[in-house]
Amino acid sequence: MMAKKTYRAVGDTIEGDVISIECRKYSKWQLFRMSGQHKGCRCVIEKNAKAKIKRAYTNIAQ
């Protein structure tokens, strides 16, 4: 199956419930507050960095 589109401009984002990442170098994972008692983790990936959405959002009220 072919990828639909690859975004390469600075500031482009992807979102989903499950995202797979690949890279050669990554920074230390940091814990941060998302909202209220919810926390999340983030890091910076470098060197041939690539991310792919494995599962899109589900059950989103619009």
Protein backbone atom coordinates (compact mmCIF):
# COMPACT_ATOMS: atom_id res chain seq x y z
CA MET A 1 0.00 0.00 0.00
CA MET A 2 1.37 3.39 -0.96
CA ALA A 3 1.58 6.32 1.43
CA LYS A 4 -0.92 9.07 0.66
CA LYS A 5 1.22 12.17 1.23
CA THR A 6 4.45 12.98 3.02
CA TYR A 7 4.54 16.34 4.81
CA ARG A 8 8.02 17.88 4.96
CA ALA A 9 7.53 21.59 5.69
CA VAL A 10 8.52 23.04 9.07
CA GLY A 11 5.45 23.16 11.33
CA ASP A 12 3.53 20.31 9.63
CA THR A 13 1.83 18.00 12.13
CA ILE A 14 0.08 14.65 12.21
CA GLU A 15 -2.42 13.42 14.80
CA GLY A 16 -3.94 10.05 15.65
CA ASP A 17 -4.57 7.50 18.39
CA VAL A 18 -1.54 5.38 17.43
CA ILE A 19 1.54 6.81 15.68
CA SER A 20 4.69 4.85 14.87
CA ILE A 21 7.99 6.75 14.75
CA GLU A 22 11.40 5.83 13.34
CA CYS A 23 14.68 7.72 13.65
CA ARG A 24 18.41 7.34 14.14
CA LYS A 25 18.68 9.76 17.10
CA TYR A 26 16.21 10.90 19.77
CA SER A 27 16.24 13.15 22.82
CA LYS A 28 15.34 12.18 26.37
CA TRP A 29 11.59 11.67 26.91
CA GLN A 30 10.03 14.53 28.90
CA LEU A 31 6.86 14.37 30.97
CA PHE A 32 4.50 17.37 30.58
CA ARG A 33 1.02 18.39 31.72
CA MET A 34 -1.63 18.15 29.02
CA SER A 35 -4.70 19.25 31.03
CA GLY A 36 -5.84 18.87 34.63
CA GLN A 37 -4.50 15.53 35.83
CA HIS A 38 -3.60 14.30 32.34
CA LYS A 39 0.10 14.02 31.53
CA GLY A 40 1.91 13.20 28.33
CA CYS A 41 5.41 12.40 27.09
CA ARG A 42 7.36 14.01 24.29
CA CYS A 43 10.78 13.91 22.71
CA VAL A 44 12.52 15.20 19.60
CA ILE A 45 13.48 12.68 16.93
CA GLU A 46 16.25 13.44 14.44
CA LYS A 47 18.21 11.94 11.54
CA ASN A 48 15.91 10.35 8.97
CA ALA A 49 12.93 10.93 11.28
CA LYS A 50 9.65 9.47 10.05
CA ALA A 51 6.20 9.10 11.63
CA LYS A 52 3.23 7.10 10.37
CA ILE A 53 -0.35 7.08 11.66
CA LYS A 54 -1.25 3.49 12.55
CA ARG A 55 -4.78 4.26 13.81
CA ALA A 56 -6.74 7.49 13.30
CA TYR A 57 -8.86 9.06 16.03
CA THR A 58 -12.02 7.20 17.00
CA ASN A 59 -15.20 8.35 18.74
CA ILE A 60 -14.67 12.06 18.29
CA ALA A 61 -17.79 14.18 18.84
CA GLN A 62 -18.06 16.97 16.31
